[in-house]
Structures are given as C-alpha cells and as structure tokens.
Amino acid sequence: MDDGRIDPYRPIEEYLPWWEVRTAYEPITGHHLLTHTAGIPASRDDIPGGRFMVWAQRDQATAWPPGESFHYSNLGYQTLGVLLEDLSGESYADAIERQILDPLGMDASYSCIELERRTQQATGYIVAYDDRPPHRSYPLVEAPFLEYCEGDGSIQSTARDMAAYMRMLMKKGQGPEKRLVSENAFDAFATAYTSERLGDADSWGYGYGIAIASAGGHHFLTHSGGMVGLYANMSIDLDDRTGIVVLVNGRTRWRDIFDYAREALRAAGRGGAPPPVPLPGDLALIYNASEYAGEFTSSSGSTLVVTSSANRLVLQPHGEALVLERYGEDSFVALHPELDRYLFRFGRDDDGEVVELTHGPRWFANRGYGGPTAFDDPKMWSAYKGRYRS
C-alpha cells in the first residue's frame, strides 16, 4: 500500500485475476480479507495448503455480503499470502524476512516452518486422546511435525525476537534503524474495523491481522495462534507500554500465564520481587454453581439431576455423584468413562436463566424452559450421525 501497488479497497480479482469465489454479492476486497469480513469459509482441511488451496475457493460460496460480519478465515490470509508473492515477485517467506524479520534483527526467527529447522524448535505435545474434550489429567504424546509456509501463519520465533517485534508495534511501525511501514499504514493496521464485546474485554475489534481490545481503561494489540502442539499468544498494553508474549509447547490456560507475567512486570517496574508462581486452579470450584442446579428432563422422559453444594456442581446419573469441572462458559466436563466424550453444556433463556442442558446428542430441559420439546428434524440428517476424525 505504501508503494502504491495495492489499494486494499479494490477487488482482489484486479490483482489476482484467476481468483474467484461463488458469491451473489459485491466483490471481495483486500480490506475484507484482512479484517475477516469477506464471508468466506474458515479453512479447507481436505487440501494441505499452497496456491491450489487459494484457487479451489471457486468451489465454495460466501455466506453473507462482504463487510457484514466477522468470521475468522485462514483461507483469507492464504489468499493474501499468494497476493503478496505476486505483488513482490518473491516467495512469501522471503518477503516476510526482507520486510520484517531482518530490519528488526529477529535473527532466531524464520518465516517458514520446515524440516531443516526442526531441531531448533521446541517439541510440541498433544493430549493422547483425540476423541474427547482435553483434560489436564490425561497423558501427553509428542505432536506430529508439520511443514508449513503459507500466509495464514508459518512463523518460527523466540520470546526474545518477539519482544523486538512488540517494540516495533509500540512505536507504530518504527524499527531500530528505519520505519517498516508509514504511520498511515500502521494506523490502517491498528484500527478496529469490527466491534463487539468478547469475554472480559470492554470492547474487541479486528484490524489488519491484529485484534484491538480495551479493558479497564487500557488499550491492547493482541493476537493468538498455533500449530499442532505449539501455541502462542501476544498482548501489548499501549497505555502501560508493556508487552507479553507466551509461547507454549502444549495446551494451557493463557489467562493465568498472562496475569502472572503482567504482575511480574509491574513488580519489576517498582523494583520489587515477582509474585509467587500461582498453582493450578481448582477446576471443580464453581462460584455460581447454584445457577445450574435442578432437574432436567428429556423429551423421552429420562432425567438428569444436577445439585450444588460448597461451590461444587454435582451430577447424579443413576444415583451416582459426579463432580463437574469447569471447561468454558456454561460448559463442564465429567471425568467418567461413560460421560467424558462430550461436554455438558447449559443453555440460558433471554433473561439469562439456565433452562436447558445438552450432552452430545442428548437434550434436556428444566421447568423454566418454555420452548418446544419435540423437533421435526429432516430424515436426511440421520445419515450424518457418527464420530469424525481429521
């Protein structure tokens, strides 16, 4: 954009004439792909990547007019990676190294994940069981190694190098010796074009490859990502001018690590000692457990009884007491061989009251539920039932 080689508000087909997607709406622009508002699918797991992945989008259809809704799409950034190659006349990896890694002195970072550098990477780990929600009590196994070099994420880096990247973002595109992009381009990058409330953030939006959030009067640039068995998360507080990056070779609870790192940074700024390392939390400690308690009945007449006591949520199938553990918002897991394949998910009505409960294909409702209890599902849906593995 700084060089005048692309206008992000022009249709992608003007720069990639062979690219197309089935759509009944106006053309998709670079701006739509950058902000995940193009209405295209998230990914195609049947194709391992490359230009054919981008070309094959012609077999898929858009879900809504461009710009109407946010839907994270790796396909969109694979398309942008190919576009970068065509505009720059070099590979995606070379363009990233020349324009970002080299100017920032990120000498331990690479823009392509490949076998030649496998020994320089941490070994990733995944839960041994892939047929149930993960739990920290399950054993771990080494994750498979995957080569990858596409525009939706193929960076191998270190915490020290990522600190150099975050310093550049704090300085709005200014590197140690020169600007990587103009101030206008950086402002385009760091503007929230979508806006919604997400989690604990006061507001959350997406710019050009970065999320913009505000919470507690502070403004943040943030993003997460991962490969199989390897995960990363970055957050920059533009008001405190502090940055945190977390690189982990297995599943973990990001919030706990970020909270600890933030408190350690603040203590260091005061010249004090870091706080004690927190112990893993008690997942069975549920302060609003009483909200979920009750008797839930299925349309066939079977019941599930859920009780609460001492900030614990207890499921009583067939008279046996099982303590549920928090898994997410309104979702829980029971570590029982007959129940651990699915999450227990509670549903709320418009007033925020818990009225229904699902466990895989089973559906239950309590006395507060006022909707339909019988559903006329199309017969053809039964053909799709089963367990799937990718």
Protein backbone atom coordinates (compact mmCIF):
# COMPACT_ATOMS: atom_id res chain seq x y z
CA MET A 1 0.00 0.00 0.00
CA ASP A 2 2.87 2.39 0.85
CA ASP A 3 4.43 1.66 -2.56
CA GLY A 4 1.14 2.22 -4.37
CA ARG A 5 1.00 -1.37 -5.64
CA ILE A 6 -2.32 -2.20 -3.99
CA ASP A 7 -5.43 -0.41 -2.84
CA PRO A 8 -6.98 -2.57 -0.08
CA TYR A 9 -10.43 -1.32 -1.06
CA ARG A 10 -10.19 -2.58 -4.65
CA PRO A 11 -11.48 -6.08 -5.63
CA ILE A 12 -8.98 -8.91 -5.20
CA GLU A 13 -9.56 -10.03 -8.81
CA GLU A 14 -7.81 -6.86 -10.01
CA TYR A 15 -4.58 -8.22 -8.52
CA LEU A 16 -5.25 -11.98 -8.76
CA PRO A 17 -7.29 -12.33 -11.98
CA TRP A 18 -7.56 -16.13 -11.58
CA TRP A 19 -9.01 -15.98 -8.07
CA GLU A 20 -12.77 -16.39 -7.65
CA VAL A 21 -15.40 -17.48 -5.18
CA ARG A 22 -19.09 -18.23 -5.62
CA THR A 23 -20.99 -15.18 -4.50
CA ALA A 24 -24.20 -13.28 -5.13
CA TYR A 25 -22.78 -10.13 -3.56
CA GLU A 26 -20.36 -7.35 -4.38
CA PRO A 27 -16.67 -8.14 -4.97
CA ILE A 28 -14.38 -9.08 -2.10
CA THR A 29 -11.52 -6.66 -1.43
CA GLY A 30 -8.20 -6.92 0.35
CA HIS A 31 -9.76 -4.98 3.21
CA HIS A 32 -12.41 -7.69 3.62
CA LEU A 33 -9.80 -10.46 3.70
CA LEU A 34 -7.55 -8.57 6.14
CA THR A 35 -10.43 -7.97 8.56
CA HIS A 36 -12.00 -11.46 8.24
CA THR A 37 -15.24 -9.96 6.93
CA ALA A 38 -15.27 -11.48 3.43
CA GLY A 39 -17.89 -14.10 4.35
CA ILE A 40 -15.71 -16.97 3.09
CA PRO A 41 -15.16 -20.26 4.97
CA ALA A 42 -12.54 -20.58 7.70
CA SER A 43 -10.48 -23.31 6.05
CA ARG A 44 -10.39 -26.40 3.85
CA ASP A 45 -8.99 -29.37 5.71
CA ASP A 46 -9.04 -31.56 2.61
CA ILE A 47 -6.21 -29.57 0.98
CA PRO A 48 -2.86 -29.15 2.77
CA GLY A 49 -2.15 -25.62 1.57
CA GLY A 50 -0.48 -23.75 -1.23
CA ARG A 51 -1.80 -21.96 -4.29
CA PHE A 52 -4.26 -24.72 -5.07
CA MET A 53 -5.97 -24.05 -1.74
CA VAL A 54 -6.50 -20.45 -2.86
CA TRP A 55 -7.57 -21.47 -6.38
CA ALA A 56 -10.03 -24.06 -5.01
CA GLN A 57 -12.10 -21.38 -3.26
CA ARG A 58 -14.08 -21.22 -6.50
CA ASP A 59 -15.79 -24.40 -5.27
CA GLN A 60 -17.13 -22.63 -2.17
CA ALA A 61 -19.72 -19.91 -1.61
CA THR A 62 -19.83 -16.78 0.52
CA ALA A 63 -22.24 -16.74 3.45
CA TRP A 64 -23.10 -13.01 3.55
CA PRO A 65 -22.24 -9.72 1.86
CA PRO A 66 -18.60 -8.65 2.36
CA GLY A 67 -18.14 -6.44 5.41
CA GLU A 68 -21.35 -7.56 7.13
CA SER A 69 -19.96 -9.97 9.75
CA PHE A 70 -16.65 -11.11 11.27
CA HIS A 71 -15.67 -14.75 10.72
CA TYR A 72 -12.02 -15.76 11.17
CA SER A 73 -10.73 -17.21 7.90
CA ASN A 74 -7.35 -18.81 7.37
CA LEU A 75 -8.34 -19.11 3.72
CA GLY A 76 -8.43 -15.33 3.51
CA TYR A 77 -4.87 -15.00 4.75
CA GLN A 78 -3.65 -17.79 2.48
CA THR A 79 -5.08 -15.72 -0.36
CA LEU A 80 -3.27 -12.63 0.93
CA GLY A 81 -0.02 -14.62 1.11
CA VAL A 82 -0.32 -15.55 -2.56
CA LEU A 83 -1.20 -11.94 -3.38
CA LEU A 84 1.94 -10.77 -1.55
CA GLU A 85 4.06 -13.16 -3.63
CA ASP A 86 2.60 -11.91 -6.90
CA LEU A 87 2.99 -8.24 -5.95
CA SER A 88 6.52 -8.57 -4.56
CA GLY A 89 7.88 -11.07 -7.09
CA GLU A 90 9.35 -13.24 -4.33
CA SER A 91 8.23 -16.04 -2.06
CA TYR A 92 6.08 -15.29 0.96
CA ALA A 93 8.92 -16.42 3.26
CA ASP A 94 11.48 -14.16 1.56
CA ALA A 95 9.13 -11.17 1.63
CA ILE A 96 8.49 -11.57 5.37
CA GLU A 97 12.19 -11.95 6.13
CA ARG A 98 13.20 -8.96 4.00
CA GLN A 99 10.47 -6.60 5.19
CA ILE A 100 10.04 -7.59 8.86
CA LEU A 101 12.47 -10.10 10.36
CA ASP A 102 15.75 -8.69 9.00
CA PRO A 103 15.06 -4.99 9.74
CA LEU A 104 14.11 -5.90 13.33
CA GLY A 105 17.14 -8.09 13.90
CA MET A 106 14.98 -11.15 14.52
CA ASP A 107 17.89 -13.46 13.73
CA ALA A 108 16.46 -16.50 15.53
CA SER A 109 13.14 -16.30 13.64
CA TYR A 110 12.14 -17.88 10.36
CA SER A 111 9.18 -17.27 8.09
CA CYS A 112 8.75 -20.89 7.10
CA ILE A 113 8.30 -23.97 9.30
CA GLU A 114 10.38 -26.70 7.65
CA LEU A 115 12.25 -29.89 8.48
CA GLU A 116 15.71 -28.29 8.20
CA ARG A 117 14.98 -26.26 11.34
CA ARG A 118 13.07 -28.87 13.30
CA THR A 119 15.94 -29.36 15.74
CA GLN A 120 15.73 -25.64 16.59
CA GLN A 121 12.11 -25.94 17.64
CA ALA A 122 10.52 -27.00 20.88
CA THR A 123 8.82 -30.36 20.77
CA GLY A 124 5.05 -29.94 20.74
CA TYR A 125 2.74 -32.12 22.80
CA ILE A 126 -0.92 -33.02 22.47
CA VAL A 127 -3.36 -34.96 24.64
CA ALA A 128 -3.17 -38.69 23.95
CA TYR A 129 -6.94 -38.93 23.36
CA ASP A 130 -8.43 -37.07 20.41
CA ASP A 131 -11.99 -38.36 20.85
CA ARG A 132 -13.00 -36.31 23.93
CA PRO A 133 -12.57 -32.82 25.39
CA PRO A 134 -8.95 -32.45 26.61
CA HIS A 135 -8.24 -32.53 30.34
CA ARG A 136 -5.03 -31.79 32.22
CA SER A 137 -5.11 -35.22 33.87
CA TYR A 138 -4.80 -37.01 30.52
CA PRO A 139 -1.34 -38.20 29.37
CA LEU A 140 0.52 -36.30 26.65
CA VAL A 141 2.15 -37.60 23.47
CA GLU A 142 4.50 -35.90 21.03
CA ALA A 143 2.64 -33.96 18.35
CA PRO A 144 3.25 -34.77 14.67
CA PHE A 145 5.60 -32.38 12.87
CA LEU A 146 4.09 -30.39 10.01
CA GLU A 147 5.94 -28.31 7.45
CA TYR A 148 4.09 -25.11 6.61
CA CYS A 149 4.87 -21.95 4.66
CA GLU A 150 1.59 -20.17 3.90
CA GLY A 151 0.26 -16.70 4.61
CA ASP A 152 -2.08 -17.69 7.45
CA GLY A 153 0.76 -18.47 9.86
CA SER A 154 4.18 -20.07 9.44
CA ILE A 155 6.49 -18.17 11.79
CA GLN A 156 9.09 -19.88 13.97
CA SER A 157 10.31 -17.48 16.63
CA THR A 158 11.56 -16.98 20.17
CA ALA A 159 10.42 -14.86 23.11
CA ARG A 160 13.42 -12.53 22.67
CA ASP A 161 12.71 -11.98 18.97
CA MET A 162 9.01 -11.47 19.63
CA ALA A 163 9.98 -8.75 22.13
CA ALA A 164 11.70 -6.94 19.25
CA TYR A 165 8.52 -7.27 17.18
CA MET A 166 6.37 -5.91 20.02
CA ARG A 167 8.70 -2.91 20.47
CA MET A 168 8.14 -2.07 16.81
CA LEU A 169 4.37 -2.22 17.30
CA MET A 170 4.60 0.03 20.36
CA LYS A 171 6.48 2.55 18.19
CA LYS A 172 3.80 2.34 15.48
CA GLY A 173 5.96 0.74 12.81
CA GLN A 174 9.34 2.22 13.72
CA GLY A 175 12.22 -0.24 13.77
CA PRO A 176 15.71 0.20 15.27
CA GLU A 177 17.04 1.91 12.16
CA LYS A 178 14.06 2.70 9.92
CA ARG A 179 10.29 2.57 9.66
CA LEU A 180 8.87 -0.72 8.45
CA VAL A 181 5.65 0.97 7.28
CA SER A 182 4.36 4.53 7.16
CA GLU A 183 2.34 5.98 10.02
CA ASN A 184 -0.74 5.95 7.77
CA ALA A 185 -0.23 2.25 7.01
CA PHE A 186 0.25 1.46 10.69
CA ASP A 187 -2.94 3.33 11.57
CA ALA A 188 -4.77 1.23 8.98
CA PHE A 189 -3.26 -1.89 10.55
CA ALA A 190 -4.20 -0.95 14.13
CA THR A 191 -7.75 0.35 13.55
CA ALA A 192 -10.65 -1.79 14.76
CA TYR A 193 -12.97 -2.28 11.79
CA THR A 194 -15.22 -4.73 13.62
CA SER A 195 -16.52 -4.15 17.11
CA GLU A 196 -18.14 -6.40 19.68
CA ARG A 197 -17.88 -7.45 23.30
CA LEU A 198 -15.79 -10.55 23.82
CA GLY A 199 -15.08 -12.15 27.19
CA ASP A 200 -13.87 -9.70 29.81
CA ALA A 201 -12.92 -7.00 27.30
CA ASP A 202 -14.92 -3.76 27.30
CA SER A 203 -14.66 -3.86 23.52
CA TRP A 204 -12.95 -6.05 20.97
CA GLY A 205 -12.35 -5.48 17.28
CA TYR A 206 -10.14 -6.63 14.44
CA GLY A 207 -7.77 -4.60 12.31
CA TYR A 208 -5.38 -5.81 9.62
CA GLY A 209 -4.05 -9.02 11.14
CA ILE A 210 -4.26 -7.82 14.73
CA ALA A 211 -7.01 -7.66 17.36
CA ILE A 212 -7.65 -4.37 19.15
CA ALA A 213 -9.17 -4.55 22.62
CA SER A 214 -9.92 -2.21 25.51
CA ALA A 215 -10.36 -3.24 29.14
CA GLY A 216 -10.15 -1.30 32.39
CA GLY A 217 -9.25 1.90 30.60
CA HIS A 218 -6.30 0.29 28.78
CA HIS A 219 -5.94 -0.36 25.06
CA PHE A 220 -4.31 -3.50 23.70
CA LEU A 221 -2.97 -5.00 20.48
CA THR A 222 -3.29 -8.75 20.75
CA HIS A 223 -3.34 -12.00 18.80
CA SER A 224 -3.07 -15.73 19.34
CA GLY A 225 -2.10 -18.59 17.10
CA GLY A 226 -0.78 -22.10 16.99
CA MET A 227 0.33 -25.20 15.16
CA VAL A 228 -0.31 -28.77 16.26
CA GLY A 229 1.06 -28.98 19.81
CA LEU A 230 2.53 -25.45 19.74
CA TYR A 231 0.64 -22.33 20.83
CA ALA A 232 1.39 -18.63 21.10
CA ASN A 233 -0.31 -15.51 22.39
CA MET A 234 0.78 -11.88 22.37
CA SER A 235 -0.65 -8.82 24.13
CA ILE A 236 0.65 -5.24 24.08
CA ASP A 237 -0.67 -2.67 26.55
CA LEU A 238 -0.40 0.61 24.65
CA ASP A 239 -1.02 2.66 27.82
CA ASP A 240 1.45 0.88 30.13
CA ARG A 241 3.80 0.34 27.15
CA THR A 242 4.38 -3.25 28.15
CA GLY A 243 4.22 -6.36 26.02
CA ILE A 244 3.74 -10.01 26.91
CA VAL A 245 4.25 -13.00 24.65
CA VAL A 246 3.56 -16.57 25.73
CA LEU A 247 5.00 -19.49 23.76
CA VAL A 248 3.90 -22.94 24.94
CA ASN A 249 4.53 -26.45 23.61
CA GLY A 250 1.20 -27.85 24.80
CA ARG A 251 -2.30 -26.87 25.86
CA THR A 252 -2.51 -24.41 28.75
CA ARG A 253 -4.61 -21.69 30.37
CA TRP A 254 -3.47 -18.44 28.74
CA ARG A 255 -5.17 -16.15 31.22
CA ASP A 256 -3.22 -17.47 34.23
CA ILE A 257 0.14 -17.06 32.48
CA PHE A 258 -0.71 -13.57 31.22
CA ASP A 259 -1.93 -12.45 34.62
CA TYR A 260 1.24 -13.68 36.28
CA ALA A 261 3.50 -12.09 33.65
CA ARG A 262 1.66 -8.77 33.97
CA GLU A 263 2.03 -8.74 37.76
CA ALA A 264 5.71 -9.70 37.46
CA LEU A 265 6.31 -6.80 35.04
CA ARG A 266 4.60 -4.34 37.36
CA ALA A 267 6.63 -5.60 40.32
CA ALA A 268 9.84 -5.21 38.32
CA GLY A 269 8.85 -1.64 37.45
CA ARG A 270 8.55 -0.89 41.18
CA GLY A 271 11.86 -2.57 41.90
CA GLY A 272 10.17 -5.35 43.81
CA ALA A 273 10.29 -9.14 43.70
CA PRO A 274 7.94 -11.01 41.37
CA PRO A 275 4.82 -12.56 42.91
CA PRO A 276 4.85 -16.28 43.74
CA VAL A 277 4.14 -18.57 40.83
CA PRO A 278 0.43 -19.47 41.00
CA LEU A 279 -0.62 -23.06 41.47
CA PRO A 280 -3.07 -24.67 39.03
CA GLY A 281 -6.61 -23.65 39.86
CA ASP A 282 -9.31 -25.93 41.18
CA LEU A 283 -11.48 -26.56 38.11
CA ALA A 284 -14.24 -28.01 40.28
CA LEU A 285 -14.60 -24.73 42.20
CA ILE A 286 -17.66 -23.09 40.61
CA TYR A 287 -18.82 -19.97 42.42
CA ASN A 288 -22.12 -19.75 40.52
CA ALA A 289 -22.87 -23.47 40.80
CA SER A 290 -26.38 -22.83 42.13
CA GLU A 291 -27.39 -21.29 38.77
CA TYR A 292 -27.11 -24.71 37.10
CA ALA A 293 -28.76 -26.86 39.79
CA GLY A 294 -32.06 -28.53 39.01
CA GLU A 295 -33.80 -31.47 37.43
CA PHE A 296 -33.56 -31.72 33.64
CA THR A 297 -35.86 -33.97 31.61
CA SER A 298 -35.53 -35.18 28.02
CA SER A 299 -38.39 -35.50 25.54
CA SER A 300 -38.25 -39.26 26.10
CA GLY A 301 -38.79 -38.83 29.84
CA SER A 302 -35.30 -39.60 31.16
CA THR A 303 -33.92 -37.18 33.75
CA LEU A 304 -30.60 -35.74 34.91
CA VAL A 305 -30.34 -34.25 38.40
CA VAL A 306 -27.76 -31.52 38.97
CA THR A 307 -27.11 -30.27 42.53
CA SER A 308 -24.81 -27.65 44.01
CA SER A 309 -23.04 -27.58 47.35
CA ALA A 310 -19.99 -25.71 48.70
CA ASN A 311 -19.30 -24.17 45.26
CA ARG A 312 -19.34 -27.60 43.65
CA LEU A 313 -21.60 -28.76 40.84
CA VAL A 314 -22.63 -32.39 41.13
CA LEU A 315 -24.26 -34.58 38.51
CA GLN A 316 -26.27 -37.54 39.75
CA PRO A 317 -26.80 -40.03 36.92
CA HIS A 318 -28.35 -43.27 38.18
CA GLY A 319 -27.80 -42.16 41.78
CA GLU A 320 -24.00 -41.80 41.39
CA ALA A 321 -22.50 -38.43 42.41
CA LEU A 322 -20.02 -36.98 39.89
CA VAL A 323 -18.34 -33.60 40.40
CA LEU A 324 -18.34 -31.49 37.23
CA GLU A 325 -15.32 -29.39 36.27
CA ARG A 326 -15.48 -26.03 34.52
CA TYR A 327 -14.49 -26.20 30.84
CA GLY A 328 -15.78 -22.91 29.47
CA GLU A 329 -18.68 -20.52 29.77
CA ASP A 330 -21.72 -22.61 30.79
CA SER A 331 -19.88 -25.82 29.84
CA PHE A 332 -18.45 -28.57 32.06
CA VAL A 333 -16.80 -31.97 31.86
CA ALA A 334 -17.35 -35.13 33.89
CA LEU A 335 -14.38 -37.49 34.20
CA HIS A 336 -16.33 -40.71 33.85
CA PRO A 337 -15.70 -43.30 31.10
CA GLU A 338 -19.36 -43.25 30.05
CA LEU A 339 -19.69 -39.44 30.06
CA ASP A 340 -16.31 -37.90 29.16
CA ARG A 341 -16.76 -37.99 25.37
CA TYR A 342 -18.96 -34.87 25.38
CA LEU A 343 -19.22 -31.66 27.34
CA PHE A 344 -22.24 -30.87 29.49
CA ARG A 345 -23.46 -27.56 28.03
CA PHE A 346 -26.12 -25.47 29.74
CA GLY A 347 -28.34 -23.08 27.80
CA ARG A 348 -29.97 -19.89 29.05
CA ASP A 349 -33.17 -18.04 28.12
CA ASP A 350 -33.45 -14.36 27.19
CA ASP A 351 -33.44 -13.44 30.90
CA GLY A 352 -30.18 -15.28 31.50
CA GLU A 353 -31.75 -18.15 33.43
CA VAL A 354 -30.46 -21.68 32.85
CA VAL A 355 -33.25 -23.69 31.20
CA GLU A 356 -31.67 -26.49 29.14
CA LEU A 357 -28.76 -28.94 29.10
CA THR A 358 -27.12 -30.93 26.32
CA HIS A 359 -24.63 -33.80 26.42
CA GLY A 360 -23.65 -34.79 22.91
CA PRO A 361 -26.84 -35.86 21.12
CA ARG A 362 -28.94 -35.80 24.30
CA TRP A 363 -31.07 -32.76 25.15
CA PHE A 364 -32.78 -31.95 28.46
CA ALA A 365 -34.87 -29.04 29.79
CA ASN A 366 -35.93 -27.93 33.26
CA ARG A 367 -39.27 -26.48 34.44
CA GLY A 368 -38.23 -22.98 33.43
CA TYR A 369 -37.95 -23.93 29.77
CA GLY A 370 -40.77 -22.54 27.65
CA GLY A 371 -39.84 -23.61 24.14
CA PRO A 372 -40.70 -26.65 22.02
CA THR A 373 -39.87 -30.10 23.36
CA ALA A 374 -40.34 -32.06 20.13
CA PHE A 375 -38.35 -31.35 16.98
CA ASP A 376 -39.15 -32.43 13.44
CA ASP A 377 -35.61 -32.99 12.16
CA PRO A 378 -35.26 -33.78 8.45
CA LYS A 379 -34.81 -37.54 7.95
CA MET A 380 -31.71 -36.97 5.84
CA TRP A 381 -29.88 -35.60 8.91
CA SER A 382 -29.65 -39.10 10.36
CA ALA A 383 -27.16 -40.00 7.62
CA TYR A 384 -24.60 -37.58 9.09
CA LYS A 385 -24.52 -39.07 12.60
CA GLY A 386 -21.21 -40.55 13.76
CA ARG A 387 -17.75 -39.70 15.02
CA TYR A 388 -15.37 -37.94 12.64
CA ARG A 389 -11.57 -37.57 12.70
CA SER A 390 -9.46 -35.16 10.63
